[in-house]
Amino acid sequence: MIDKLIAWVRVVRMKFFLAGIPSIVLGAAISWYLAQKFDLYIFVLTLTGVMFAMAGCHLFNEYFDFKSGVDVIVKKEDITPYSAGSRVLPDGHISPSSVFKAGIISWFLACVVGVYLTITRGLLTIFLALSGFFTGALYTLPPFKWAYRGIGEGMIGLTYGPLITLGSCYVQLMELALESAIIPSLVPGILITAVILINEIPDFLADKRAGKKNLVVMIGRKNAVKVYVFLLASAYFIIILTVALELLPLTTLIALSTLPIAFRNAFVLMRKYDKAQDLVPVMAGTFLLFVSTTFLLSVGYVLAAQFE
């Protein structure tokens, strides 16, 4: 019983649930900055809906990557805590059909939350939720399979950046603060794209053999390193430029304090990109970079609301 429970915790990738929280916090912080509006009940509901949606995405990804064979043929030395799936299906701990059914249930529960928020907060909620389904749930789902067509990274960036941030801000304000929220939402969107990119590098050989044409397979590992560095630089450039143009409050510069993490990640990746186990600290560091930078950006908005 305990082993089965542990297997389910692994297959829903609970350690990655934190990925859905920073952009929700950012949207709520922008709402507070704009109008001093924050509803804890709505915040928790939003968080719950996103968690169900993330569970559904993870379960579908596990199922379809197993069916495609990519999680089966990956070499043992290329398996890391952040790539090659949870290993639950290849190791036979849970049946594939059970994982697929759990994914459907998770997305059904996410839809229930989405419908409730639509009724109570406004019609635009369902549009943003459906957009998230289109970009996130179809990541590995046939016939769309964004992750197999070289656009999965961008779809995840769009989901965890603009869509979640705008949605979180909208359900608080009950109006779409597009001009105020879209620029800061690009930062988590870009950084989560870097997370996906770095996690694909150890899977390069298995993905290539299985015909999974993600961005790393399409451009190669060396070029993927260049894209990774560009993404990190772009996130910080956006913050600096938009603060200079007075589009973001000055206090959001606090997010630049994560620059040392970015430099360390980039430096190690450029030297170790072809050694999967040596990339584990970079993969962990990139996820930390996404979470901490987005949270600090949120702190900047809350501070600005107090001082302006």
Protein backbone atom coordinates (compact mmCIF):
# COMPACT_ATOMS: atom_id res chain seq x y z
CA MET A 1 0.00 0.00 0.00
CA ILE A 2 2.78 2.40 0.94
CA ASP A 3 4.76 1.48 -2.18
CA LYS A 4 1.70 2.12 -4.35
CA LEU A 5 1.15 5.53 -2.72
CA ILE A 6 4.79 6.46 -3.26
CA ALA A 7 4.48 5.42 -6.90
CA TRP A 8 1.48 7.71 -7.40
CA VAL A 9 3.31 10.61 -5.73
CA ARG A 10 6.18 10.03 -8.14
CA VAL A 11 4.06 9.72 -11.28
CA VAL A 12 2.16 12.98 -10.69
CA ARG A 13 5.60 14.63 -10.25
CA MET A 14 4.58 16.37 -7.01
CA LYS A 15 8.04 17.86 -6.63
CA PHE A 16 7.27 19.97 -9.71
CA PHE A 17 3.96 21.29 -8.38
CA LEU A 18 5.87 24.31 -7.11
CA ALA A 19 6.15 25.37 -10.76
CA GLY A 20 2.49 26.42 -10.78
CA ILE A 21 2.64 28.59 -7.66
CA PRO A 22 5.04 31.48 -8.54
CA SER A 23 3.00 32.83 -11.46
CA ILE A 24 -0.22 32.65 -9.41
CA VAL A 25 1.50 34.65 -6.67
CA LEU A 26 2.79 37.12 -9.26
CA GLY A 27 -0.70 37.68 -10.68
CA ALA A 28 -2.11 38.26 -7.20
CA ALA A 29 0.76 40.64 -6.35
CA ILE A 30 0.10 42.67 -9.51
CA SER A 31 -3.58 42.87 -8.52
CA TRP A 32 -2.59 44.15 -5.08
CA TYR A 33 -0.24 46.70 -6.64
CA LEU A 34 -2.89 47.98 -9.04
CA ALA A 35 -5.95 48.11 -6.80
CA GLN A 36 -5.08 46.69 -3.35
CA LYS A 37 -7.36 43.75 -4.10
CA PHE A 38 -6.64 40.26 -2.76
CA ASP A 39 -9.20 37.56 -2.04
CA LEU A 40 -7.59 34.62 -0.20
CA TYR A 41 -10.48 32.27 -1.02
CA ILE A 42 -10.19 32.99 -4.75
CA PHE A 43 -6.40 32.67 -4.52
CA VAL A 44 -6.67 29.19 -2.95
CA LEU A 45 -9.25 28.13 -5.54
CA THR A 46 -7.00 29.32 -8.35
CA LEU A 47 -4.09 27.44 -6.84
CA THR A 48 -6.22 24.30 -6.49
CA GLY A 49 -7.37 24.45 -10.10
CA VAL A 50 -3.83 24.89 -11.38
CA MET A 51 -2.60 21.98 -9.22
CA PHE A 52 -5.25 19.68 -10.69
CA ALA A 53 -4.35 20.85 -14.19
CA MET A 54 -0.64 20.27 -13.54
CA ALA A 55 -1.33 16.77 -12.22
CA GLY A 56 -3.30 16.02 -15.38
CA CYS A 57 -0.49 17.31 -17.58
CA HIS A 58 2.14 15.28 -15.74
CA LEU A 59 0.05 12.11 -15.91
CA PHE A 60 -0.63 12.52 -19.63
CA ASN A 61 3.06 13.22 -20.26
CA GLU A 62 4.07 10.08 -18.38
CA TYR A 63 1.54 7.98 -20.28
CA PHE A 64 2.30 9.19 -23.80
CA ASP A 65 6.08 9.32 -23.34
CA PHE A 66 5.90 5.72 -22.15
CA LYS A 67 3.73 4.72 -25.11
CA SER A 68 6.07 6.43 -27.56
CA GLY A 69 8.97 4.45 -26.10
CA VAL A 70 11.10 7.47 -25.20
CA ASP A 71 11.04 6.70 -21.46
CA VAL A 72 11.82 3.05 -22.15
CA ILE A 73 14.92 3.39 -24.32
CA VAL A 74 16.69 6.10 -22.32
CA LYS A 75 20.06 4.89 -21.06
CA LYS A 76 20.52 4.38 -17.32
CA GLU A 77 23.38 6.88 -17.16
CA ASP A 78 21.15 9.57 -18.71
CA ILE A 79 18.37 9.21 -16.12
CA THR A 80 18.25 12.08 -13.62
CA PRO A 81 15.72 13.26 -11.01
CA TYR A 82 14.60 15.95 -13.48
CA SER A 83 14.50 14.09 -16.79
CA ALA A 84 13.45 10.74 -18.30
CA GLY A 85 10.09 10.79 -16.51
CA SER A 86 9.27 9.41 -13.07
CA ARG A 87 10.27 5.80 -14.11
CA VAL A 88 7.02 4.51 -12.59
CA LEU A 89 5.63 3.12 -15.85
CA PRO A 90 8.87 1.62 -17.24
CA ASP A 91 9.42 -0.06 -13.86
CA GLY A 92 5.85 -1.45 -13.85
CA HIS A 93 4.70 0.07 -10.54
CA ILE A 94 1.37 1.33 -11.99
CA SER A 95 -0.50 0.29 -15.11
CA PRO A 96 -0.47 2.78 -18.03
CA SER A 97 -4.29 2.73 -18.24
CA SER A 98 -4.57 3.76 -14.58
CA VAL A 99 -2.24 6.71 -15.18
CA PHE A 100 -4.25 7.81 -18.21
CA LYS A 101 -7.54 7.59 -16.30
CA ALA A 102 -6.05 9.56 -13.40
CA GLY A 103 -5.04 12.25 -15.89
CA ILE A 104 -8.61 12.54 -17.15
CA ILE A 105 -9.94 12.78 -13.59
CA SER A 106 -7.40 15.47 -12.71
CA TRP A 107 -8.35 17.58 -15.70
CA PHE A 108 -12.06 17.07 -14.94
CA LEU A 109 -11.50 18.45 -11.43
CA ALA A 110 -9.51 21.36 -12.89
CA CYS A 111 -12.47 22.08 -15.20
CA VAL A 112 -14.88 22.06 -12.24
CA VAL A 113 -12.78 24.71 -10.50
CA GLY A 114 -12.53 26.66 -13.76
CA VAL A 115 -16.29 26.65 -14.28
CA TYR A 116 -16.89 27.81 -10.70
CA LEU A 117 -14.40 30.67 -11.09
CA THR A 118 -16.00 31.58 -14.41
CA ILE A 119 -19.43 31.83 -12.77
CA THR A 120 -18.16 33.85 -9.81
CA ARG A 121 -15.40 35.96 -11.35
CA GLY A 122 -16.17 36.44 -15.03
CA LEU A 123 -16.43 34.84 -18.45
CA LEU A 124 -12.81 35.52 -19.39
CA THR A 125 -11.74 32.93 -16.81
CA ILE A 126 -12.92 30.03 -18.97
CA PHE A 127 -11.13 31.47 -22.01
CA LEU A 128 -7.83 31.61 -20.11
CA ALA A 129 -8.45 28.11 -18.68
CA LEU A 130 -9.16 26.65 -22.12
CA SER A 131 -6.07 28.36 -23.49
CA GLY A 132 -4.06 26.69 -20.74
CA PHE A 133 -5.59 23.34 -21.65
CA PHE A 134 -4.67 23.89 -25.30
CA THR A 135 -1.05 24.79 -24.52
CA GLY A 136 -0.43 22.52 -21.51
CA ALA A 137 -2.62 19.41 -21.61
CA LEU A 138 -1.90 18.81 -25.29
CA TYR A 139 1.87 18.87 -24.68
CA THR A 140 2.17 15.14 -25.46
CA LEU A 141 -1.45 14.33 -26.33
CA PRO A 142 -2.04 13.12 -29.94
CA PRO A 143 -2.57 14.47 -32.49
CA PHE A 144 -1.19 17.77 -31.20
CA LYS A 145 1.93 16.55 -29.32
CA TRP A 146 3.58 19.96 -28.98
CA ALA A 147 6.59 18.35 -27.26
CA TYR A 148 7.22 16.24 -30.37
CA ARG A 149 7.04 19.16 -32.81
CA GLY A 150 9.62 21.63 -31.51
CA ILE A 151 7.09 24.03 -30.00
CA GLY A 152 6.46 22.36 -26.64
CA GLU A 153 8.96 24.58 -24.85
CA GLY A 154 7.19 27.73 -26.04
CA MET A 155 3.77 26.33 -25.16
CA ILE A 156 4.88 25.63 -21.59
CA GLY A 157 6.40 29.12 -21.40
CA LEU A 158 3.10 30.62 -22.54
CA THR A 159 1.17 28.55 -20.01
CA TYR A 160 3.29 29.14 -16.91
CA GLY A 161 4.03 32.75 -17.82
CA PRO A 162 1.31 34.93 -19.40
CA LEU A 163 -1.70 32.61 -19.07
CA ILE A 164 -1.39 31.71 -15.37
CA THR A 165 -0.24 35.21 -14.38
CA LEU A 166 -3.03 36.93 -16.32
CA GLY A 167 -5.58 34.44 -15.01
CA SER A 168 -4.51 34.89 -11.39
CA CYS A 169 -4.60 38.68 -11.74
CA TYR A 170 -7.96 38.62 -13.53
CA VAL A 171 -9.84 36.55 -10.94
CA GLN A 172 -8.65 38.99 -8.27
CA LEU A 173 -9.44 42.21 -10.16
CA MET A 174 -12.33 40.83 -12.23
CA GLU A 175 -10.91 42.74 -15.18
CA LEU A 176 -8.05 42.00 -17.57
CA ALA A 177 -5.03 44.12 -16.64
CA LEU A 178 -3.31 43.25 -19.90
CA GLU A 179 -0.97 46.23 -20.11
CA SER A 180 0.15 45.92 -16.49
CA ALA A 181 0.47 42.14 -16.26
CA ILE A 182 1.76 40.99 -19.64
CA ILE A 183 5.33 42.31 -19.32
CA PRO A 184 6.14 40.86 -15.87
CA SER A 185 4.48 37.58 -16.93
CA LEU A 186 7.14 37.18 -19.61
CA VAL A 187 9.80 36.64 -16.94
CA PRO A 188 8.37 33.40 -15.48
CA GLY A 189 7.41 32.34 -19.00
CA ILE A 190 10.98 32.65 -20.23
CA LEU A 191 12.50 31.03 -17.15
CA ILE A 192 10.16 28.01 -17.18
CA THR A 193 11.08 27.58 -20.85
CA ALA A 194 14.71 27.41 -19.72
CA VAL A 195 13.68 24.74 -17.17
CA ILE A 196 12.10 22.61 -19.91
CA LEU A 197 15.09 23.13 -22.19
CA ILE A 198 17.72 22.08 -19.65
CA ASN A 199 15.65 19.02 -18.68
CA GLU A 200 15.57 17.92 -22.33
CA ILE A 201 19.34 17.89 -22.76
CA PRO A 202 20.01 14.61 -20.88
CA ASP A 203 17.18 12.98 -22.88
CA PHE A 204 18.70 14.07 -26.20
CA LEU A 205 19.76 10.63 -27.47
CA ALA A 206 16.59 8.82 -26.34
CA ASP A 207 14.34 11.57 -27.72
CA LYS A 208 16.17 11.48 -31.04
CA ARG A 209 15.84 7.69 -31.33
CA ALA A 210 12.13 7.82 -30.46
CA GLY A 211 11.38 10.59 -32.97
CA LYS A 212 10.55 13.16 -30.30
CA LYS A 213 11.53 16.30 -32.20
CA ASN A 214 11.73 18.76 -29.35
CA LEU A 215 13.86 21.88 -29.60
CA VAL A 216 17.04 20.20 -28.32
CA VAL A 217 16.74 17.38 -30.85
CA MET A 218 16.07 19.85 -33.66
CA ILE A 219 18.99 22.20 -32.97
CA GLY A 220 21.45 19.95 -31.08
CA ARG A 221 22.86 20.19 -27.58
CA LYS A 222 25.52 22.82 -28.33
CA ASN A 223 22.97 25.21 -29.82
CA ALA A 224 20.57 24.41 -26.98
CA VAL A 225 23.19 25.74 -24.56
CA LYS A 226 23.24 29.03 -26.51
CA VAL A 227 19.44 29.23 -26.40
CA TYR A 228 19.50 28.55 -22.65
CA VAL A 229 21.95 31.40 -22.02
CA PHE A 230 19.88 33.68 -24.26
CA LEU A 231 16.72 32.87 -22.30
CA LEU A 232 18.31 33.70 -18.96
CA ALA A 233 19.77 36.93 -20.31
CA SER A 234 16.41 37.89 -21.82
CA ALA A 235 14.56 37.51 -18.51
CA TYR A 236 16.90 39.91 -16.72
CA PHE A 237 17.04 42.28 -19.70
CA ILE A 238 13.25 42.58 -19.64
CA ILE A 239 13.27 43.49 -15.95
CA ILE A 240 16.02 46.11 -16.32
CA LEU A 241 14.61 47.64 -19.51
CA THR A 242 11.01 47.87 -18.32
CA VAL A 243 12.03 49.37 -14.99
CA ALA A 244 14.10 51.96 -16.89
CA LEU A 245 11.04 52.72 -19.03
CA GLU A 246 8.92 52.96 -15.85
CA LEU A 247 6.72 50.08 -16.98
CA LEU A 248 7.62 48.09 -13.86
CA PRO A 249 8.04 49.58 -10.39
CA LEU A 250 11.61 50.25 -9.25
CA THR A 251 11.27 47.75 -6.41
CA THR A 252 11.01 44.84 -8.86
CA LEU A 253 14.76 45.18 -9.39
CA ILE A 254 15.01 42.99 -6.29
CA ALA A 255 14.57 40.08 -8.70
CA LEU A 256 18.07 40.77 -10.05
CA SER A 257 19.48 39.30 -6.84
CA THR A 258 19.16 35.85 -8.44
CA LEU A 259 21.77 36.72 -11.08
CA PRO A 260 24.53 34.69 -9.34
CA ILE A 261 22.40 31.55 -9.72
CA ALA A 262 21.96 32.29 -13.41
CA PHE A 263 25.71 32.80 -13.95
CA ARG A 264 26.53 29.56 -12.13
CA ASN A 265 23.98 27.58 -14.15
CA ALA A 266 25.20 28.94 -17.47
CA PHE A 267 28.88 28.40 -16.61
CA VAL A 268 28.41 24.76 -15.60
CA LEU A 269 26.13 24.01 -18.56
CA MET A 270 28.61 25.33 -21.09
CA ARG A 271 31.25 22.89 -19.76
CA LYS A 272 29.11 19.86 -18.89
CA TYR A 273 26.25 19.85 -21.40
CA ASP A 274 27.04 16.33 -22.63
CA LYS A 275 27.31 14.74 -19.15
CA ALA A 276 23.83 14.03 -17.79
CA GLN A 277 24.73 13.45 -14.14
CA ASP A 278 26.86 16.61 -14.01
CA LEU A 279 23.82 18.58 -15.18
CA VAL A 280 21.69 17.66 -12.14
CA PRO A 281 22.82 20.77 -10.16
CA VAL A 282 22.08 22.94 -13.22
CA MET A 283 18.61 21.46 -13.62
CA ALA A 284 17.90 22.02 -9.92
CA GLY A 285 19.43 25.50 -10.17
CA THR A 286 17.30 26.44 -13.16
CA PHE A 287 14.12 25.43 -11.37
CA LEU A 288 15.29 27.42 -8.33
CA LEU A 289 15.97 30.37 -10.62
CA PHE A 290 12.44 30.27 -12.02
CA VAL A 291 10.82 30.02 -8.59
CA SER A 292 12.98 32.56 -6.75
CA THR A 293 13.04 35.20 -9.50
CA THR A 294 9.26 35.08 -9.93
CA PHE A 295 8.65 35.23 -6.18
CA LEU A 296 11.05 38.18 -5.81
CA LEU A 297 9.30 39.94 -8.68
CA SER A 298 6.08 39.49 -6.70
CA VAL A 299 7.75 40.88 -3.59
CA GLY A 300 8.77 43.91 -5.66
CA TYR A 301 5.13 44.59 -6.57
CA VAL A 302 3.97 44.24 -2.95
CA LEU A 303 6.70 46.63 -1.79
CA ALA A 304 5.77 49.09 -4.52
CA ALA A 305 2.16 49.05 -3.34
CA GLN A 306 3.33 50.11 0.13
CA PHE A 307 5.68 52.87 -0.98
CA GLU A 308 3.85 54.48 -3.91
